[in-house]
Amino acid sequence: MSVSIDLLDSMLSGGKPGAEELYKTIPLQTKVRELTHLLGQFCNAADINNNNNSGRAMLSAVLLRREITALAGSEQMHGLSKSTALGLCGEIAESLMSLFMDGAPTQSRRQIGHCIAELCSSLSIISPNDGKEWMKSVLGRLEPGVSVIFLYINLWCTLHSYVSH
């Protein structure tokens, strides 16, 4: 089973009973990889302003953020080892940053920023050292005018430092 455009359309329209249940049966690794791929496809499509692709991009980003969150607890919930979860985070990181920095339309960019902030959070839970380095990388690549993701990362770091102490 895989995440497909037909499945996303069914979830968006509610037209196919059981679409959400079917989605839940897809393995976490597959969902993360395929949602990242589809998000890139929808954001790079020439007709992103088409309501179908816009809605698909939004749903893909929202679902991807949820799956990135699941990676932080993946060993207990999904049986993925920390090294597998860490590798998967690294696998999607560059794609998300590229979409955010270079190609995402405004309506999708914010959701991609949420995914990146969640990726920073999940990485820090899975491996604090790798998470710290990834956050530095994200902040180093962001342009000065990009404040939304900086705000999320800064807020997360502040909250995390209170919890850690």
C-alpha atoms as a PDB file:
ATOM      1  CA  MET A   1       0.000   0.000   0.000  1.00  0.00           C
ATOM      2  CA  SER A   2       1.187   3.511  -0.752  1.00  0.00           C
ATOM      3  CA  VAL A   3       0.153   7.123  -0.477  1.00  0.00           C
ATOM      4  CA  SER A   4      -1.261   8.075  -3.868  1.00  0.00           C
ATOM      5  CA  ILE A   5      -2.982  11.054  -5.402  1.00  0.00           C
ATOM      6  CA  ASP A   6      -6.184   9.001  -5.510  1.00  0.00           C
ATOM      7  CA  LEU A   7      -5.928   8.287  -1.785  1.00  0.00           C
ATOM      8  CA  LEU A   8      -5.323  11.970  -0.989  1.00  0.00           C
ATOM      9  CA  ASP A   9      -8.260  12.967  -3.190  1.00  0.00           C
ATOM     10  CA  SER A  10     -10.464  10.452  -1.380  1.00  0.00           C
ATOM     11  CA  MET A  11      -9.382  11.851   1.961  1.00  0.00           C
ATOM     12  CA  LEU A  12     -10.040  15.410   0.776  1.00  0.00           C
ATOM     13  CA  SER A  13     -13.472  14.702  -0.648  1.00  0.00           C
ATOM     14  CA  GLY A  14     -14.633  12.067   1.784  1.00  0.00           C
ATOM     15  CA  GLY A  15     -15.903  10.260  -1.297  1.00  0.00           C
ATOM     16  CA  LYS A  16     -14.281   6.910  -0.634  1.00  0.00           C
ATOM     17  CA  PRO A  17     -15.356   5.338   2.643  1.00  0.00           C
ATOM     18  CA  GLY A  18     -12.428   3.924   4.530  1.00  0.00           C
ATOM     19  CA  ALA A  19      -9.755   6.153   2.926  1.00  0.00           C
ATOM     20  CA  GLU A  20      -8.468   7.309   6.313  1.00  0.00           C
ATOM     21  CA  GLU A  21      -8.438   3.766   7.663  1.00  0.00           C
ATOM     22  CA  LEU A  22      -6.534   2.655   4.571  1.00  0.00           C
ATOM     23  CA  TYR A  23      -4.037   5.491   5.122  1.00  0.00           C
ATOM     24  CA  LYS A  24      -3.448   4.301   8.686  1.00  0.00           C
ATOM     25  CA  THR A  25      -2.340   0.868   7.422  1.00  0.00           C
ATOM     26  CA  ILE A  26       0.566   2.328   5.423  1.00  0.00           C
ATOM     27  CA  PRO A  27       3.934   1.937   7.215  1.00  0.00           C
ATOM     28  CA  LEU A  28       5.372   5.117   8.738  1.00  0.00           C
ATOM     29  CA  GLN A  29       8.526   5.070   6.588  1.00  0.00           C
ATOM     30  CA  THR A  30       6.454   4.783   3.414  1.00  0.00           C
ATOM     31  CA  LYS A  31       4.150   7.615   4.455  1.00  0.00           C
ATOM     32  CA  VAL A  32       7.047   9.956   5.245  1.00  0.00           C
ATOM     33  CA  ARG A  33       8.880   9.282   1.974  1.00  0.00           C
ATOM     34  CA  GLU A  34       5.805   9.383  -0.254  1.00  0.00           C
ATOM     35  CA  LEU A  35       4.241  12.453   1.355  1.00  0.00           C
ATOM     36  CA  THR A  36       7.543  14.316   0.974  1.00  0.00           C
ATOM     37  CA  HIS A  37       7.706  13.295  -2.685  1.00  0.00           C
ATOM     38  CA  LEU A  38       4.080  14.235  -3.365  1.00  0.00           C
ATOM     39  CA  LEU A  39       4.452  17.558  -1.567  1.00  0.00           C
ATOM     40  CA  GLY A  40       7.391  18.405  -3.828  1.00  0.00           C
ATOM     41  CA  GLN A  41       5.434  17.296  -6.869  1.00  0.00           C
ATOM     42  CA  PHE A  42       2.413  19.439  -5.989  1.00  0.00           C
ATOM     43  CA  CYS A  43       4.508  22.497  -5.096  1.00  0.00           C
ATOM     44  CA  ASN A  44       6.546  22.245  -8.303  1.00  0.00           C
ATOM     45  CA  ALA A  45       3.556  21.619 -10.546  1.00  0.00           C
ATOM     46  CA  ALA A  46       2.961  24.324 -13.111  1.00  0.00           C
ATOM     47  CA  ASP A  47      -0.680  24.490 -12.085  1.00  0.00           C
ATOM     48  CA  ILE A  48      -0.223  24.821  -8.298  1.00  0.00           C
ATOM     49  CA  ASN A  49      -2.966  27.433  -8.325  1.00  0.00           C
ATOM     50  CA  ASN A  50      -5.295  24.666  -9.460  1.00  0.00           C
ATOM     51  CA  ASN A  51      -7.525  24.023  -6.443  1.00  0.00           C
ATOM     52  CA  ASN A  52      -6.856  20.290  -6.623  1.00  0.00           C
ATOM     53  CA  ASN A  53      -3.081  20.650  -6.349  1.00  0.00           C
ATOM     54  CA  SER A  54      -3.343  23.380  -3.747  1.00  0.00           C
ATOM     55  CA  GLY A  55      -5.569  21.212  -1.546  1.00  0.00           C
ATOM     56  CA  ARG A  56      -3.389  18.170  -2.147  1.00  0.00           C
ATOM     57  CA  ALA A  57      -0.252  20.114  -1.189  1.00  0.00           C
ATOM     58  CA  MET A  58      -1.911  21.345   2.000  1.00  0.00           C
ATOM     59  CA  LEU A  59      -3.131  17.874   2.985  1.00  0.00           C
ATOM     60  CA  SER A  60       0.266  16.338   2.176  1.00  0.00           C
ATOM     61  CA  ALA A  61       2.029  18.888   4.384  1.00  0.00           C
ATOM     62  CA  VAL A  62      -0.406  18.436   7.272  1.00  0.00           C
ATOM     63  CA  LEU A  63      -0.131  14.644   7.125  1.00  0.00           C
ATOM     64  CA  LEU A  64       3.658  14.814   6.771  1.00  0.00           C
ATOM     65  CA  ARG A  65       3.947  17.001   9.849  1.00  0.00           C
ATOM     66  CA  ARG A  66       1.927  14.456  11.811  1.00  0.00           C
ATOM     67  CA  GLU A  67       4.175  11.623  10.596  1.00  0.00           C
ATOM     68  CA  ILE A  68       7.343  13.578  11.422  1.00  0.00           C
ATOM     69  CA  THR A  69       5.993  13.973  14.957  1.00  0.00           C
ATOM     70  CA  ALA A  70       5.452  10.204  15.090  1.00  0.00           C
ATOM     71  CA  LEU A  71       9.125   9.650  14.225  1.00  0.00           C
ATOM     72  CA  ALA A  72      10.138  11.011  17.647  1.00  0.00           C
ATOM     73  CA  GLY A  73       8.309   8.144  19.329  1.00  0.00           C
ATOM     74  CA  SER A  74       8.807   5.695  16.506  1.00  0.00           C
ATOM     75  CA  GLU A  75      10.642   3.011  18.462  1.00  0.00           C
ATOM     76  CA  GLN A  76       7.810   2.516  20.925  1.00  0.00           C
ATOM     77  CA  MET A  77       4.922   3.101  18.525  1.00  0.00           C
ATOM     78  CA  HIS A  78       6.152   1.800  15.174  1.00  0.00           C
ATOM     79  CA  GLY A  79       9.114  -0.432  15.924  1.00  0.00           C
ATOM     80  CA  LEU A  80      11.593   1.794  14.066  1.00  0.00           C
ATOM     81  CA  SER A  81      15.025   1.990  15.633  1.00  0.00           C
ATOM     82  CA  LYS A  82      16.453   5.394  16.494  1.00  0.00           C
ATOM     83  CA  SER A  83      19.026   5.053  13.723  1.00  0.00           C
ATOM     84  CA  THR A  84      16.300   4.288  11.161  1.00  0.00           C
ATOM     85  CA  ALA A  85      14.183   7.237  12.345  1.00  0.00           C
ATOM     86  CA  LEU A  86      17.248   9.494  12.281  1.00  0.00           C
ATOM     87  CA  GLY A  87      18.126   8.335   8.766  1.00  0.00           C
ATOM     88  CA  LEU A  88      14.586   8.986   7.583  1.00  0.00           C
ATOM     89  CA  CYS A  89      14.658  12.494   9.042  1.00  0.00           C
ATOM     90  CA  GLY A  90      17.927  13.149   7.245  1.00  0.00           C
ATOM     91  CA  GLU A  91      16.483  11.744   4.046  1.00  0.00           C
ATOM     92  CA  ILE A  92      13.629  14.277   3.912  1.00  0.00           C
ATOM     93  CA  ALA A  93      15.412  17.267   5.476  1.00  0.00           C
ATOM     94  CA  GLU A  94      17.040  18.649   2.328  1.00  0.00           C
ATOM     95  CA  SER A  95      13.877  18.238   0.256  1.00  0.00           C
ATOM     96  CA  LEU A  96      11.845  20.201   2.788  1.00  0.00           C
ATOM     97  CA  MET A  97      14.455  22.955   3.077  1.00  0.00           C
ATOM     98  CA  SER A  98      14.692  23.256  -0.706  1.00  0.00           C
ATOM     99  CA  LEU A  99      10.929  23.475  -1.051  1.00  0.00           C
ATOM    100  CA  PHE A 100      10.748  26.077   1.686  1.00  0.00           C
ATOM    101  CA  MET A 101      13.602  28.203   0.379  1.00  0.00           C
ATOM    102  CA  ASP A 102      13.206  27.883  -3.370  1.00  0.00           C
ATOM    103  CA  GLY A 103      10.010  26.559  -4.738  1.00  0.00           C
ATOM    104  CA  ALA A 104       6.968  26.469  -2.524  1.00  0.00           C
ATOM    105  CA  PRO A 105       4.074  28.778  -3.273  1.00  0.00           C
ATOM    106  CA  THR A 106       2.908  31.008  -0.455  1.00  0.00           C
ATOM    107  CA  GLN A 107      -0.070  28.879   0.516  1.00  0.00           C
ATOM    108  CA  SER A 108       2.159  25.797   1.003  1.00  0.00           C
ATOM    109  CA  ARG A 109       5.268  27.496   2.354  1.00  0.00           C
ATOM    110  CA  ARG A 110       3.866  28.037   5.818  1.00  0.00           C
ATOM    111  CA  GLN A 111       2.890  24.370   6.152  1.00  0.00           C
ATOM    112  CA  ILE A 112       6.336  23.303   4.955  1.00  0.00           C
ATOM    113  CA  GLY A 113       7.802  25.603   7.609  1.00  0.00           C
ATOM    114  CA  HIS A 114       5.715  23.770  10.192  1.00  0.00           C
ATOM    115  CA  CYS A 115       7.128  20.465   8.905  1.00  0.00           C
ATOM    116  CA  ILE A 116      10.700  21.794   9.209  1.00  0.00           C
ATOM    117  CA  ALA A 117      10.078  23.031  12.746  1.00  0.00           C
ATOM    118  CA  GLU A 118       8.600  19.635  13.651  1.00  0.00           C
ATOM    119  CA  LEU A 119      11.588  17.925  12.044  1.00  0.00           C
ATOM    120  CA  CYS A 120      13.899  19.965  14.284  1.00  0.00           C
ATOM    121  CA  SER A 121      11.862  18.937  17.298  1.00  0.00           C
ATOM    122  CA  SER A 122      11.763  15.246  16.363  1.00  0.00           C
ATOM    123  CA  LEU A 123      15.471  15.168  15.569  1.00  0.00           C
ATOM    124  CA  SER A 124      16.247  16.695  18.947  1.00  0.00           C
ATOM    125  CA  ILE A 125      14.217  14.008  20.689  1.00  0.00           C
ATOM    126  CA  ILE A 126      15.722  11.170  18.658  1.00  0.00           C
ATOM    127  CA  SER A 127      19.301  12.468  18.903  1.00  0.00           C
ATOM    128  CA  PRO A 128      19.970  15.721  20.787  1.00  0.00           C
ATOM    129  CA  ASN A 129      23.352  16.302  19.124  1.00  0.00           C
ATOM    130  CA  ASP A 130      22.050  15.754  15.593  1.00  0.00           C
ATOM    131  CA  GLY A 131      18.991  17.859  16.365  1.00  0.00           C
ATOM    132  CA  LYS A 132      21.153  20.712  17.572  1.00  0.00           C
ATOM    133  CA  GLU A 133      23.303  20.588  14.431  1.00  0.00           C
ATOM    134  CA  TRP A 134      20.250  20.445  12.175  1.00  0.00           C
ATOM    135  CA  MET A 135      18.743  23.509  13.899  1.00  0.00           C
ATOM    136  CA  LYS A 136      21.999  25.399  13.353  1.00  0.00           C
ATOM    137  CA  SER A 137      21.914  24.384   9.701  1.00  0.00           C
ATOM    138  CA  VAL A 138      18.313  25.517   9.300  1.00  0.00           C
ATOM    139  CA  LEU A 139      18.952  28.861  10.932  1.00  0.00           C
ATOM    140  CA  GLY A 140      22.109  29.366   8.879  1.00  0.00           C
ATOM    141  CA  ARG A 141      20.249  28.826   5.604  1.00  0.00           C
ATOM    142  CA  LEU A 142      17.253  30.978   6.315  1.00  0.00           C
ATOM    143  CA  GLU A 143      17.153  34.422   4.831  1.00  0.00           C
ATOM    144  CA  PRO A 144      16.758  37.344   7.257  1.00  0.00           C
ATOM    145  CA  GLY A 145      13.212  38.026   6.063  1.00  0.00           C
ATOM    146  CA  VAL A 146      11.982  34.544   6.891  1.00  0.00           C
ATOM    147  CA  SER A 147      10.610  34.862  10.371  1.00  0.00           C
ATOM    148  CA  VAL A 148       7.902  32.207  10.755  1.00  0.00           C
ATOM    149  CA  ILE A 149      10.177  29.187  10.963  1.00  0.00           C
ATOM    150  CA  PHE A 150      12.701  31.096  13.080  1.00  0.00           C
ATOM    151  CA  LEU A 151       9.935  31.902  15.539  1.00  0.00           C
ATOM    152  CA  TYR A 152       8.886  28.234  15.797  1.00  0.00           C
ATOM    153  CA  ILE A 153      12.444  26.996  16.229  1.00  0.00           C
ATOM    154  CA  ASN A 154      13.287  29.705  18.732  1.00  0.00           C
ATOM    155  CA  LEU A 155      10.143  28.969  20.717  1.00  0.00           C
ATOM    156  CA  TRP A 156      10.864  25.244  20.672  1.00  0.00           C
ATOM    157  CA  CYS A 157      14.460  25.794  21.831  1.00  0.00           C
ATOM    158  CA  THR A 158      13.264  28.017  24.654  1.00  0.00           C
ATOM    159  CA  LEU A 159      10.671  25.491  25.804  1.00  0.00           C
ATOM    160  CA  HIS A 160      13.138  22.626  25.470  1.00  0.00           C
ATOM    161  CA  SER A 161      15.733  24.417  27.606  1.00  0.00           C
ATOM    162  CA  TYR A 162      13.159  24.876  30.393  1.00  0.00           C
ATOM    163  CA  VAL A 163      12.148  21.219  30.270  1.00  0.00           C
ATOM    164  CA  SER A 164      15.786  20.063  30.249  1.00  0.00           C
ATOM    165  CA  HIS A 165      16.707  21.992  33.359  1.00  0.00           C
END
